Amino acid sequence: MTGPHDDPPGDPVCWLHRLCEECGAMPVEGEEGGPCWRCGAPPPPPAPEA
């Protein structure tokens, strides 16, 4: 018998840093670094490297 939580977990990477800060849209593949495709907001500054 299987339950609703028996599927393997999803993508382990946190994608929140890639979302548009204004509208929450995910960037279109290959278009990262440009304005948001949905609302036109400028991209967030690059994250500092650890």
PDB file of N, CA and C in Angstrom:
ATOM      1  N   MET A   1       0.840  -1.181   0.000  1.00  0.00           N
ATOM      2  CA  MET A   1       0.000   0.000   0.000  1.00  0.00           C
ATOM      3  C   MET A   1       0.888   1.250   0.000  1.00  0.00           C
ATOM      4  N   THR A   2       0.535   2.231  -0.801  1.00  0.00           N
ATOM      5  CA  THR A   2       1.303   3.470  -0.864  1.00  0.00           C
ATOM      6  C   THR A   2       0.434   4.634  -0.425  1.00  0.00           C
ATOM      7  N   GLY A   3       1.093   5.665   0.049  1.00  0.00           N
ATOM      8  CA  GLY A   3       0.377   6.853   0.502  1.00  0.00           C
ATOM      9  C   GLY A   3       0.770   8.062  -0.322  1.00  0.00           C
ATOM     10  N   PRO A   4       0.204   9.232  -0.027  1.00  0.00           N
ATOM     11  CA  PRO A   4       0.484  10.434  -0.815  1.00  0.00           C
ATOM     12  C   PRO A   4       1.917  10.942  -0.652  1.00  0.00           C
ATOM     13  N   HIS A   5       2.630  10.492   0.371  1.00  0.00           N
ATOM     14  CA  HIS A   5       3.981  10.981   0.609  1.00  0.00           C
ATOM     15  C   HIS A   5       5.048   9.956   0.225  1.00  0.00           C
ATOM     16  N   ASP A   6       4.682   8.952  -0.556  1.00  0.00           N
ATOM     17  CA  ASP A   6       5.617   7.912  -0.951  1.00  0.00           C
ATOM     18  C   ASP A   6       6.408   8.269  -2.210  1.00  0.00           C
ATOM     19  N   ASP A   7       6.019   9.328  -2.907  1.00  0.00           N
ATOM     20  CA  ASP A   7       6.757   9.744  -4.100  1.00  0.00           C
ATOM     21  C   ASP A   7       8.091  10.336  -3.669  1.00  0.00           C
ATOM     22  N   PRO A   8       9.118  10.216  -4.523  1.00  0.00           N
ATOM     23  CA  PRO A   8      10.393  10.841  -4.175  1.00  0.00           C
ATOM     24  C   PRO A   8      10.207  12.355  -4.116  1.00  0.00           C
ATOM     25  N   PRO A   9      11.009  13.037  -3.300  1.00  0.00           N
ATOM     26  CA  PRO A   9      10.865  14.485  -3.196  1.00  0.00           C
ATOM     27  C   PRO A   9      11.176  15.165  -4.517  1.00  0.00           C
ATOM     28  N   GLY A  10      10.719  16.393  -4.654  1.00  0.00           N
ATOM     29  CA  GLY A  10      10.951  17.163  -5.877  1.00  0.00           C
ATOM     30  C   GLY A  10      12.361  17.702  -5.948  1.00  0.00           C
ATOM     31  N   ASP A  11      12.540  18.702  -6.751  1.00  0.00           N
ATOM     32  CA  ASP A  11      13.841  19.318  -6.969  1.00  0.00           C
ATOM     33  C   ASP A  11      14.396  19.858  -5.657  1.00  0.00           C
ATOM     34  N   PRO A  12      15.597  19.435  -5.256  1.00  0.00           N
ATOM     35  CA  PRO A  12      16.136  19.863  -3.969  1.00  0.00           C
ATOM     36  C   PRO A  12      16.686  21.284  -3.974  1.00  0.00           C
ATOM     37  N   VAL A  13      16.802  21.897  -5.138  1.00  0.00           N
ATOM     38  CA  VAL A  13      17.377  23.231  -5.236  1.00  0.00           C
ATOM     39  C   VAL A  13      16.315  24.275  -4.926  1.00  0.00           C
ATOM     40  N   CYS A  14      16.679  25.278  -4.178  1.00  0.00           N
ATOM     41  CA  CYS A  14      15.762  26.382  -3.899  1.00  0.00           C
ATOM     42  C   CYS A  14      15.818  27.356  -5.071  1.00  0.00           C
ATOM     43  N   TRP A  15      14.689  27.607  -5.683  1.00  0.00           N
ATOM     44  CA  TRP A  15      14.625  28.491  -6.852  1.00  0.00           C
ATOM     45  C   TRP A  15      14.180  29.905  -6.475  1.00  0.00           C
ATOM     46  N   LEU A  16      13.960  30.182  -5.188  1.00  0.00           N
ATOM     47  CA  LEU A  16      13.429  31.483  -4.796  1.00  0.00           C
ATOM     48  C   LEU A  16      14.302  32.645  -5.254  1.00  0.00           C
ATOM     49  N   HIS A  17      15.616  32.456  -5.286  1.00  0.00           N
ATOM     50  CA  HIS A  17      16.502  33.541  -5.701  1.00  0.00           C
ATOM     51  C   HIS A  17      16.342  33.913  -7.175  1.00  0.00           C
ATOM     52  N   ARG A  18      15.700  33.062  -7.946  1.00  0.00           N
ATOM     53  CA  ARG A  18      15.524  33.318  -9.378  1.00  0.00           C
ATOM     54  C   ARG A  18      14.211  34.008  -9.700  1.00  0.00           C
ATOM     55  N   LEU A  19      13.276  34.032  -8.749  1.00  0.00           N
ATOM     56  CA  LEU A  19      11.966  34.618  -9.010  1.00  0.00           C
ATOM     57  C   LEU A  19      12.043  36.135  -9.077  1.00  0.00           C
ATOM     58  N   CYS A  20      11.169  36.724  -9.876  1.00  0.00           N
ATOM     59  CA  CYS A  20      11.075  38.176  -9.970  1.00  0.00           C
ATOM     60  C   CYS A  20      10.644  38.719  -8.611  1.00  0.00           C
ATOM     61  N   GLU A  21      11.356  39.729  -8.124  1.00  0.00           N
ATOM     62  CA  GLU A  21      11.039  40.303  -6.821  1.00  0.00           C
ATOM     63  C   GLU A  21       9.729  41.084  -6.840  1.00  0.00           C
ATOM     64  N   GLU A  22       9.281  41.503  -8.012  1.00  0.00           N
ATOM     65  CA  GLU A  22       8.049  42.294  -8.120  1.00  0.00           C
ATOM     66  C   GLU A  22       6.793  41.437  -8.258  1.00  0.00           C
ATOM     67  N   CYS A  23       6.833  40.456  -9.171  1.00  0.00           N
ATOM     68  CA  CYS A  23       5.608  39.689  -9.451  1.00  0.00           C
ATOM     69  C   CYS A  23       5.731  38.194  -9.180  1.00  0.00           C
ATOM     70  N   GLY A  24       6.954  37.704  -8.891  1.00  0.00           N
ATOM     71  CA  GLY A  24       7.131  36.295  -8.567  1.00  0.00           C
ATOM     72  C   GLY A  24       7.258  35.367  -9.752  1.00  0.00           C
ATOM     73  N   ALA A  25       7.360  35.911 -10.969  1.00  0.00           N
ATOM     74  CA  ALA A  25       7.473  35.063 -12.163  1.00  0.00           C
ATOM     75  C   ALA A  25       8.834  34.381 -12.226  1.00  0.00           C
ATOM     76  N   MET A  26       8.844  33.164 -12.725  1.00  0.00           N
ATOM     77  CA  MET A  26      10.085  32.427 -12.964  1.00  0.00           C
ATOM     78  C   MET A  26      10.626  32.891 -14.311  1.00  0.00           C
ATOM     79  N   PRO A  27      11.936  33.165 -14.426  1.00  0.00           N
ATOM     80  CA  PRO A  27      12.471  33.625 -15.708  1.00  0.00           C
ATOM     81  C   PRO A  27      12.367  32.542 -16.782  1.00  0.00           C
ATOM     82  N   VAL A  28      12.249  32.981 -18.007  1.00  0.00           N
ATOM     83  CA  VAL A  28      12.206  32.075 -19.150  1.00  0.00           C
ATOM     84  C   VAL A  28      13.617  31.534 -19.351  1.00  0.00           C
ATOM     85  N   GLU A  29      13.730  30.242 -19.645  1.00  0.00           N
ATOM     86  CA  GLU A  29      15.048  29.633 -19.832  1.00  0.00           C
ATOM     87  C   GLU A  29      15.825  30.369 -20.918  1.00  0.00           C
ATOM     88  N   GLY A  30      17.068  30.724 -20.603  1.00  0.00           N
ATOM     89  CA  GLY A  30      17.912  31.441 -21.539  1.00  0.00           C
ATOM     90  C   GLY A  30      17.775  32.956 -21.447  1.00  0.00           C
ATOM     91  N   GLU A  31      16.809  33.455 -20.682  1.00  0.00           N
ATOM     92  CA  GLU A  31      16.585  34.894 -20.578  1.00  0.00           C
ATOM     93  C   GLU A  31      16.930  35.432 -19.207  1.00  0.00           C
ATOM     94  N   GLU A  32      17.620  34.630 -18.362  1.00  0.00           N
ATOM     95  CA  GLU A  32      17.984  35.096 -17.038  1.00  0.00           C
ATOM     96  C   GLU A  32      18.906  36.300 -17.163  1.00  0.00           C
ATOM     97  N   GLY A  33      18.792  37.241 -16.254  1.00  0.00           N
ATOM     98  CA  GLY A  33      19.663  38.405 -16.254  1.00  0.00           C
ATOM     99  C   GLY A  33      19.054  39.608 -16.946  1.00  0.00           C
ATOM    100  N   GLY A  34      17.943  39.430 -17.616  1.00  0.00           N
ATOM    101  CA  GLY A  34      17.270  40.544 -18.271  1.00  0.00           C
ATOM    102  C   GLY A  34      16.032  40.938 -17.481  1.00  0.00           C
ATOM    103  N   PRO A  35      15.284  41.902 -17.981  1.00  0.00           N
ATOM    104  CA  PRO A  35      14.069  42.301 -17.273  1.00  0.00           C
ATOM    105  C   PRO A  35      13.045  41.162 -17.248  1.00  0.00           C
ATOM    106  N   CYS A  36      12.158  41.212 -16.275  1.00  0.00           N
ATOM    107  CA  CYS A  36      11.119  40.184 -16.129  1.00  0.00           C
ATOM    108  C   CYS A  36      10.236  40.155 -17.369  1.00  0.00           C
ATOM    109  N   TRP A  37       9.942  38.964 -17.846  1.00  0.00           N
ATOM    110  CA  TRP A  37       9.101  38.805 -19.024  1.00  0.00           C
ATOM    111  C   TRP A  37       7.658  39.197 -18.731  1.00  0.00           C
ATOM    112  N   ARG A  38       7.246  39.128 -17.475  1.00  0.00           N
ATOM    113  CA  ARG A  38       5.854  39.405 -17.130  1.00  0.00           C
ATOM    114  C   ARG A  38       5.620  40.882 -16.813  1.00  0.00           C
ATOM    115  N   CYS A  39       6.453  41.467 -15.937  1.00  0.00           N
ATOM    116  CA  CYS A  39       6.175  42.837 -15.483  1.00  0.00           C
ATOM    117  C   CYS A  39       7.238  43.846 -15.894  1.00  0.00           C
ATOM    118  N   GLY A  40       8.388  43.385 -16.435  1.00  0.00           N
ATOM    119  CA  GLY A  40       9.415  44.290 -16.913  1.00  0.00           C
ATOM    120  C   GLY A  40      10.356  44.798 -15.830  1.00  0.00           C
ATOM    121  N   ALA A  41      10.241  44.287 -14.608  1.00  0.00           N
ATOM    122  CA  ALA A  41      11.122  44.723 -13.509  1.00  0.00           C
ATOM    123  C   ALA A  41      12.564  44.341 -13.817  1.00  0.00           C
ATOM    124  N   PRO A  42      13.525  45.177 -13.384  1.00  0.00           N
ATOM    125  CA  PRO A  42      14.931  44.833 -13.607  1.00  0.00           C
ATOM    126  C   PRO A  42      15.315  43.595 -12.791  1.00  0.00           C
ATOM    127  N   PRO A  43      16.346  42.867 -13.256  1.00  0.00           N
ATOM    128  CA  PRO A  43      16.759  41.661 -12.526  1.00  0.00           C
ATOM    129  C   PRO A  43      17.371  42.030 -11.183  1.00  0.00           C
ATOM    130  N   PRO A  44      17.311  41.100 -10.219  1.00  0.00           N
ATOM    131  CA  PRO A  44      17.946  41.366  -8.918  1.00  0.00           C
ATOM    132  C   PRO A  44      19.453  41.365  -9.083  1.00  0.00           C
ATOM    133  N   PRO A  45      20.162  42.042  -8.180  1.00  0.00           N
ATOM    134  CA  PRO A  45      21.620  42.015  -8.255  1.00  0.00           C
ATOM    135  C   PRO A  45      22.129  40.605  -8.023  1.00  0.00           C
ATOM    136  N   PRO A  46      23.280  40.247  -8.575  1.00  0.00           N
ATOM    137  CA  PRO A  46      23.798  38.885  -8.376  1.00  0.00           C
ATOM    138  C   PRO A  46      24.076  38.616  -6.901  1.00  0.00           C
ATOM    139  N   ALA A  47      23.850  37.395  -6.494  1.00  0.00           N
ATOM    140  CA  ALA A  47      24.095  36.996  -5.106  1.00  0.00           C
ATOM    141  C   ALA A  47      25.590  36.956  -4.846  1.00  0.00           C
ATOM    142  N   PRO A  48      26.023  37.397  -3.662  1.00  0.00           N
ATOM    143  CA  PRO A  48      27.449  37.322  -3.366  1.00  0.00           C
ATOM    144  C   PRO A  48      27.883  35.869  -3.263  1.00  0.00           C
ATOM    145  N   GLU A  49      29.072  35.582  -3.764  1.00  0.00           N
ATOM    146  CA  GLU A  49      29.575  34.214  -3.716  1.00  0.00           C
ATOM    147  C   GLU A  49      30.215  33.959  -2.354  1.00  0.00           C
ATOM    148  N   ALA A  50      29.987  32.778  -1.849  1.00  0.00           N
ATOM    149  CA  ALA A  50      30.522  32.432  -0.528  1.00  0.00           C
ATOM    150  C   ALA A  50      31.947  31.961  -0.609  1.00  0.00           C
TER     151      ALA A  50
END
